[in-house]
Amino acid sequence: MRSSAEYGRWPLLSGAVFLAFLAGSAMAADPVPQNDLLNAELWMQRSVEYKANSLAVYALAKVRLDQALADKSWTAATEQTGNYQELPPAVVLDLDETAMDNSAYQAGLAATGADFSPKTWDVWVRAEKATAVPGAVEFTQYAESKGVKVFYVTNRSADQEEPTRKNAQALGFPMGGNVDTFLMSKEKPDWGSAKSTRRSYVANDYRVLLLLGDNLGDFSDAYNGSEAERLKAFEQAKAHFGRDWLMLANPGYGSFESAPYGHNFKLSADEKRSKKISALEPWTAPAQ
C-alpha cells in the first residue's frame, strides 16, 4: 500500500503532465499567419462601418450627379479641355475596391500568410467571384437612368477584360451598350498604370461629371510619388474631394501603403514593414 505522501504527489504530477501535453499540442499546431492585411480585410469583410462608409459615398454621388447635370460648366476631369459643355455626360469609376469587392482574394492572402502575386490575382479575376461594393450598383444604375454613360477605368489588364465584364454584368453594373466602357490597362499602347490618358480618352467625347476611386491614382497621376509629393498633390486638388472626386475607403492596399518604402516591391516583407513603422508618428507614454 502506497504512503499518503505518495498519494499527495499524484495530483501535482498529473497536473504537470497535463500542462506539458497542452504545451506540446500548442507547439504542434500550425502557427497563426502573420500578414499586414489582417485588420484591413477583417474591417472590409465583417464590419458594418465599411458598409456604412461605402453607402454614404454613393449616396453623396447621387446628389453630386444631379448637381453636375444641372451645371453645364461642371467637369471632374482636369484633362477636360475645349468646348465640353454640350458633350453628353459620363462618370468614371475605378473597379477594384471602388465598384467591385475583392476582399475574398485579399482575405485569402491574410489567412495563408501569402503575398499578392500577378499569377494568383489572374486566377481570381478569371474565377469571376468579385462582389459589389455596397451602393455601387445602385449608383451606376441611377446614373444610367439619367442618361449618363458609366465608364470603368481599371488597371486590370486587357487580357482580363472578358471575365471582368462577365463578373460586372452578373452583378448588375451597366455595360455601356454599343460603347466600350471598360478601359483596361494595356488595352492601347499608351494606357499604362497611370490613368490620365484614359480619362482624356473619355473627356474627348463626354463631359465627365464625377470620378470615383479608392486610390489617389484614380484621380491624379501624382499617386506614385513620395509621401511628400503625394501630400502636395492632395493639397493642390483637395477642393475636388467630396465635390466631383469621391474616394472610397480601402485600407488593404494601394499607393499609400507602398509610399513609405519608395514603391520598391523587391524589398523583403520585414524591410517594407520596418519602413512603414518608421513612417508613423507615434505617441508613447512617458516613463513612470
Protein backbone atom coordinates (compact mmCIF):
# COMPACT_ATOMS: atom_id res chain seq x y z
CA MET A 1 0.00 0.00 0.00
CA ARG A 2 1.36 3.46 -1.03
CA SER A 3 2.01 6.10 1.61
CA SER A 4 -0.18 9.21 1.94
CA ALA A 5 2.77 11.31 0.78
CA GLU A 6 2.87 9.39 -2.48
CA TYR A 7 -0.84 9.94 -3.00
CA GLY A 8 -0.34 13.65 -2.37
CA ARG A 9 2.20 13.84 -5.16
CA TRP A 10 -0.10 12.31 -7.82
CA PRO A 11 -2.28 15.41 -8.36
CA LEU A 12 0.84 17.52 -8.75
CA LEU A 13 2.42 15.10 -11.19
CA SER A 14 -0.76 14.60 -13.21
CA GLY A 15 -1.25 18.37 -13.43
CA ALA A 16 2.29 18.82 -14.69
CA VAL A 17 1.82 16.10 -17.29
CA PHE A 18 -1.43 17.72 -18.45
CA LEU A 19 0.23 21.12 -18.83
CA ALA A 20 3.09 19.54 -20.75
CA PHE A 21 0.53 17.87 -23.03
CA LEU A 22 -1.17 21.20 -23.69
CA ALA A 23 2.14 22.89 -24.42
CA GLY A 24 3.06 20.10 -26.82
CA SER A 25 -0.29 20.41 -28.57
CA ALA A 26 0.16 24.16 -28.96
CA MET A 27 3.64 23.66 -30.41
CA ALA A 28 2.29 21.08 -32.83
CA ALA A 29 -0.50 23.36 -34.07
CA ASP A 30 0.04 25.41 -37.21
CA PRO A 31 1.38 28.90 -36.48
CA VAL A 32 -1.02 31.80 -36.91
CA PRO A 33 -0.24 33.53 -40.25
CA GLN A 34 1.32 36.96 -39.86
CA ASN A 35 0.08 39.35 -42.53
CA ASP A 36 -0.37 43.13 -42.58
CA LEU A 37 -3.72 42.70 -44.35
CA LEU A 38 -5.48 41.11 -41.37
CA ASN A 39 -7.22 44.10 -39.76
CA ALA A 40 -7.92 45.76 -43.10
CA GLU A 41 -9.67 42.74 -44.55
CA LEU A 42 -11.48 41.97 -41.31
CA TRP A 43 -12.86 45.53 -41.48
CA MET A 44 -13.80 45.31 -45.15
CA GLN A 45 -15.48 41.90 -44.89
CA ARG A 46 -17.08 41.95 -41.45
CA SER A 47 -17.67 45.50 -40.26
CA VAL A 48 -20.88 47.44 -40.61
CA GLU A 49 -18.70 50.56 -40.59
CA TYR A 50 -17.24 49.67 -44.00
CA LYS A 51 -20.70 49.10 -45.46
CA ALA A 52 -21.98 52.37 -43.97
CA ASN A 53 -18.99 54.29 -45.32
CA SER A 54 -19.47 52.94 -48.85
CA LEU A 55 -23.21 53.63 -48.83
CA ALA A 56 -22.52 57.19 -47.67
CA VAL A 57 -20.09 57.84 -50.54
CA TYR A 58 -22.51 56.53 -53.13
CA ALA A 59 -25.43 58.45 -51.61
CA LEU A 60 -23.35 61.62 -51.95
CA ALA A 61 -22.51 60.59 -55.52
CA LYS A 62 -26.20 60.69 -56.46
CA VAL A 63 -26.52 64.20 -55.01
CA ARG A 64 -23.41 65.42 -56.83
CA LEU A 65 -24.52 63.78 -60.07
CA ASP A 66 -27.79 65.72 -60.07
CA GLN A 67 -25.91 68.96 -59.32
CA ALA A 68 -23.45 68.28 -62.13
CA LEU A 69 -26.19 67.56 -64.65
CA ALA A 70 -27.77 70.93 -63.85
CA ASP A 71 -24.47 72.84 -64.26
CA LYS A 72 -23.10 72.77 -67.81
CA SER A 73 -19.74 74.15 -66.68
CA TRP A 74 -19.20 71.25 -64.25
CA THR A 75 -16.43 68.78 -65.06
CA ALA A 76 -14.45 66.47 -62.80
CA ALA A 77 -11.67 65.74 -65.31
CA THR A 78 -8.64 68.01 -65.17
CA GLU A 79 -7.93 66.56 -68.63
CA GLN A 80 -11.18 68.11 -69.98
CA THR A 81 -10.48 70.91 -72.46
CA GLY A 82 -12.23 72.85 -75.22
CA ASN A 83 -15.98 73.35 -75.53
CA TYR A 84 -17.08 70.42 -73.41
CA GLN A 85 -20.30 71.97 -72.08
CA GLU A 86 -22.60 70.33 -74.65
CA LEU A 87 -20.93 66.95 -74.65
CA PRO A 88 -23.01 64.01 -73.37
CA PRO A 89 -22.44 63.31 -69.67
CA ALA A 90 -20.38 60.49 -68.19
CA VAL A 91 -18.98 59.30 -64.88
CA VAL A 92 -15.69 57.43 -64.46
CA LEU A 93 -15.24 54.74 -61.84
CA ASP A 94 -12.32 52.59 -60.86
CA LEU A 95 -13.34 48.94 -60.48
CA ASP A 96 -11.40 47.16 -57.74
CA GLU A 97 -12.46 48.22 -54.23
CA THR A 98 -14.46 51.07 -55.79
CA ALA A 99 -17.18 49.16 -57.63
CA MET A 100 -16.08 45.53 -57.22
CA ASP A 101 -15.15 43.95 -53.89
CA ASN A 102 -12.12 41.65 -54.00
CA SER A 103 -11.81 41.20 -50.25
CA ALA A 104 -12.15 37.42 -50.58
CA TYR A 105 -8.88 37.33 -52.54
CA GLN A 106 -7.21 39.68 -50.05
CA ALA A 107 -8.56 37.70 -47.10
CA GLY A 108 -7.08 34.57 -48.64
CA LEU A 109 -3.66 36.22 -48.55
CA ALA A 110 -4.14 37.21 -44.91
CA ALA A 111 -5.37 33.76 -43.88
CA THR A 112 -2.46 31.94 -45.50
CA GLY A 113 0.31 34.47 -44.87
CA ALA A 114 0.81 34.85 -48.63
CA ASP A 115 1.70 37.94 -50.65
CA PHE A 116 -0.04 39.35 -53.70
CA SER A 117 1.14 37.83 -56.96
CA PRO A 118 0.02 38.51 -60.54
CA LYS A 119 -0.49 34.76 -61.02
CA THR A 120 -2.95 34.25 -58.15
CA TRP A 121 -4.64 37.57 -58.96
CA ASP A 122 -5.23 36.41 -62.53
CA VAL A 123 -6.77 33.17 -61.27
CA TRP A 124 -9.06 35.25 -59.01
CA VAL A 125 -10.14 37.57 -61.84
CA ARG A 126 -10.93 34.64 -64.14
CA ALA A 127 -12.98 32.98 -61.39
CA GLU A 128 -15.42 35.95 -61.65
CA LYS A 129 -16.12 35.85 -57.90
CA ALA A 130 -15.84 39.56 -57.03
CA THR A 131 -18.91 41.02 -55.33
CA ALA A 132 -20.27 44.57 -55.48
CA VAL A 133 -19.11 47.33 -53.16
CA PRO A 134 -22.19 48.47 -51.19
CA GLY A 135 -24.06 51.18 -53.10
CA ALA A 136 -22.05 50.87 -56.32
CA VAL A 137 -24.57 49.02 -58.47
CA GLU A 138 -27.42 51.25 -57.32
CA PHE A 139 -25.44 54.41 -58.12
CA THR A 140 -24.34 53.28 -61.57
CA GLN A 141 -27.87 52.21 -62.44
CA TYR A 142 -29.11 55.61 -61.22
CA ALA A 143 -26.56 57.35 -63.44
CA GLU A 144 -27.60 55.28 -66.42
CA SER A 145 -31.26 56.11 -65.77
CA LYS A 146 -30.30 59.79 -66.03
CA GLY A 147 -28.69 59.29 -69.43
CA VAL A 148 -25.16 59.30 -68.02
CA LYS A 149 -22.64 56.88 -69.55
CA VAL A 150 -20.73 54.87 -66.95
CA PHE A 151 -17.05 54.18 -67.76
CA TYR A 152 -14.81 51.82 -65.78
CA VAL A 153 -11.13 52.80 -65.85
CA THR A 154 -9.32 49.86 -64.30
CA ASN A 155 -5.78 48.57 -64.02
CA ARG A 156 -6.95 45.06 -64.67
CA SER A 157 -5.15 44.14 -67.87
CA ALA A 158 -6.60 43.96 -71.35
CA ASP A 159 -6.47 40.16 -71.41
CA GLN A 160 -8.69 40.15 -68.29
CA GLU A 161 -11.46 42.23 -69.89
CA GLU A 162 -13.76 39.33 -70.78
CA PRO A 163 -14.01 37.78 -67.28
CA THR A 164 -14.18 41.27 -65.79
CA ARG A 165 -17.13 42.20 -67.99
CA LYS A 166 -18.91 38.93 -67.20
CA ASN A 167 -18.40 39.45 -63.46
CA ALA A 168 -19.64 43.05 -63.65
CA GLN A 169 -22.66 42.14 -65.77
CA ALA A 170 -23.67 39.37 -63.34
CA LEU A 171 -23.60 41.94 -60.52
CA GLY A 172 -25.90 44.32 -62.42
CA PHE A 173 -23.49 47.06 -63.46
CA PRO A 174 -24.37 48.99 -66.66
CA MET A 175 -22.40 47.59 -69.56
CA GLY A 176 -22.37 50.56 -71.94
CA GLY A 177 -24.45 49.24 -74.81
CA ASN A 178 -22.55 49.66 -78.09
CA VAL A 179 -19.82 51.75 -76.37
CA ASP A 180 -16.76 50.02 -74.88
CA THR A 181 -16.92 51.36 -71.33
CA PHE A 182 -14.30 49.01 -69.84
CA LEU A 183 -10.97 50.78 -70.35
CA MET A 184 -8.29 48.31 -69.28
CA SER A 185 -4.59 48.73 -68.65
CA LYS A 186 -2.51 47.99 -71.77
CA GLU A 187 -5.59 47.99 -73.99
CA LYS A 188 -3.85 50.69 -76.03
CA PRO A 189 -0.09 51.36 -76.19
CA ASP A 190 -0.25 54.49 -74.01
CA TRP A 191 -2.67 53.06 -71.45
CA GLY A 192 -0.35 52.12 -68.63
CA SER A 193 -0.99 52.06 -64.89
CA ALA A 194 -1.32 55.87 -64.82
CA LYS A 195 -4.90 56.68 -65.80
CA SER A 196 -4.77 60.23 -67.21
CA THR A 197 -4.59 59.01 -70.83
CA ARG A 198 -7.79 57.01 -70.32
CA ARG A 199 -9.53 59.91 -68.60
CA SER A 200 -8.52 62.08 -71.57
CA TYR A 201 -9.96 59.45 -73.91
CA VAL A 202 -13.34 59.71 -72.17
CA ALA A 203 -13.15 63.51 -71.91
CA ASN A 204 -12.71 63.82 -75.69
CA ASP A 205 -16.32 62.74 -76.24
CA TYR A 206 -18.06 63.18 -72.88
CA ARG A 207 -18.41 65.76 -70.14
CA VAL A 208 -17.02 63.92 -67.12
CA LEU A 209 -19.25 64.69 -64.14
CA LEU A 210 -17.65 62.59 -61.40
CA LEU A 211 -14.57 60.49 -60.72
CA LEU A 212 -14.86 57.70 -58.14
CA GLY A 213 -11.97 55.63 -56.81
CA ASP A 214 -10.13 54.21 -53.81
CA ASN A 215 -6.61 55.40 -54.64
CA LEU A 216 -5.13 58.80 -55.47
CA GLY A 217 -4.20 57.33 -58.85
CA ASP A 218 -7.88 57.17 -59.78
CA PHE A 219 -7.86 60.97 -59.80
CA SER A 220 -4.27 62.09 -60.40
CA ASP A 221 -1.09 60.65 -61.89
CA ALA A 222 0.83 62.05 -58.89
CA TYR A 223 -0.14 59.00 -56.83
CA ASN A 224 3.17 57.17 -57.21
CA GLY A 225 5.49 59.77 -55.74
CA SER A 226 6.99 60.10 -52.30
CA GLU A 227 4.80 60.78 -49.29
CA ALA A 228 5.68 64.49 -49.52
CA GLU A 229 4.83 64.60 -53.23
CA ARG A 230 1.54 62.79 -52.63
CA LEU A 231 0.61 65.22 -49.87
CA LYS A 232 1.44 68.19 -52.12
CA ALA A 233 -0.75 66.76 -54.90
CA PHE A 234 -3.57 66.26 -52.42
CA GLU A 235 -3.34 69.81 -51.10
CA GLN A 236 -3.44 71.19 -54.63
CA ALA A 237 -6.53 69.14 -55.50
CA LYS A 238 -8.40 68.87 -52.21
CA ALA A 239 -11.25 71.17 -53.31
CA HIS A 240 -12.30 68.34 -55.66
CA PHE A 241 -12.75 65.76 -52.91
CA GLY A 242 -16.34 65.45 -51.77
CA ARG A 243 -17.48 67.52 -54.76
CA ASP A 244 -16.59 65.85 -58.06
CA TRP A 245 -13.91 63.42 -56.83
CA LEU A 246 -15.32 60.81 -54.43
CA MET A 247 -12.97 58.48 -52.57
CA LEU A 248 -13.90 55.04 -51.25
CA ALA A 249 -12.02 53.70 -48.22
CA ASN A 250 -9.53 50.89 -48.89
CA PRO A 251 -7.11 50.15 -46.03
CA GLY A 252 -5.97 46.91 -47.65
CA TYR A 253 -3.66 48.04 -50.43
CA GLY A 254 -2.74 50.99 -52.61
CA SER A 255 -0.05 53.59 -53.13
CA PHE A 256 -0.49 54.82 -49.54
CA GLU A 257 0.99 51.53 -48.34
CA SER A 258 3.96 51.44 -50.73
CA ALA A 259 4.92 55.13 -50.50
CA PRO A 260 6.85 54.73 -47.20
CA TYR A 261 9.18 52.18 -48.82
CA GLY A 262 9.51 54.09 -52.07
CA HIS A 263 7.24 51.70 -54.02
CA ASN A 264 10.18 49.27 -54.08
CA PHE A 265 8.35 45.95 -54.18
CA LYS A 266 11.61 43.99 -54.30
CA LEU A 267 12.23 44.66 -50.60
CA SER A 268 11.55 41.85 -48.15
CA ALA A 269 8.40 41.88 -46.04
CA ASP A 270 10.42 42.82 -42.97
CA GLU A 271 12.17 45.67 -44.80
CA LYS A 272 8.83 47.02 -46.02
CA ARG A 273 7.31 46.72 -42.55
CA SER A 274 10.31 48.47 -40.94
CA LYS A 275 10.00 51.42 -43.31
CA LYS A 276 6.24 51.64 -42.74
CA ILE A 277 6.77 51.69 -38.98
CA SER A 278 9.40 54.40 -39.41
CA ALA A 279 6.84 56.50 -41.31
CA LEU A 280 4.47 56.53 -38.34
CA GLU A 281 4.23 59.45 -35.92
CA PRO A 282 3.77 57.58 -32.63
CA TRP A 283 2.99 58.79 -29.14
CA THR A 284 4.40 56.76 -26.29
CA ALA A 285 3.56 57.11 -22.63
CA PRO A 286 6.26 58.83 -20.55
CA ALA A 287 8.32 56.64 -18.26
CA GLN A 288 6.87 56.37 -14.77
